């Protein structure tokens, strides 16, 4: 998994920058490839801090800036989403166990996961419901990531994309550029409340069936 951070100004060892490096070091420990792209320059202590944290850096990168520019706030939110992953997965499993519905990060757990979610959001406040949606979305995303060799990604390439600025799974299918949104999947379940819906949504994304339009061809 990869995340890049663009620095458009000269950077040095400031408190803000060291906090950012510390967060990125945490991602590196979780197996992410993190890269700082320095459009101007970085001080020697700053570069040494990157190297000590196993963070790659590129000086004066040659790319289209508009394609990689991500707001710091959005990137921080995505990093926090990943940092809290393990705690949230455990919370979902505890909730399932309380109901006698054991789950694990496998496709066969989807039905128990759906039952647990629909029970958890029953008679709760809107704020509590939104919290469960994010927590269960993490669990669904991890199932897809693990079972289909996907990767977490912050959808940021196209502001017109319905998934823009939300965590998605990519590289889980042979269809290039396809993004799976666990949050949209769990929201669909909260509305339709149908057991089996998550498997249907996931498989439609992993192995989409081509639409037959042969009958539209004009001879």
Foldseek 3Di string as FASTA:
>chain_A
DEAEAEDADEEEPDPVLVVVLVLVLVVVVVPYAYEYEYLAYYDPVSVVSCVVSVHHYHYNDDDDCLQRDDDPVLVVVVSVLVVCLVVLQVVLQVLLVVVVQHADLEPVSQLSSLVSLLVQPPPDDPVSNVVSLSSSLSSLQSSLCVVQVWDWDAADRDPVDPSHSHIWTPPSAPPPPQTHGSSVQSVVCNVPVDRPSSVVSSCCRRPNDDDDPVVVDDD
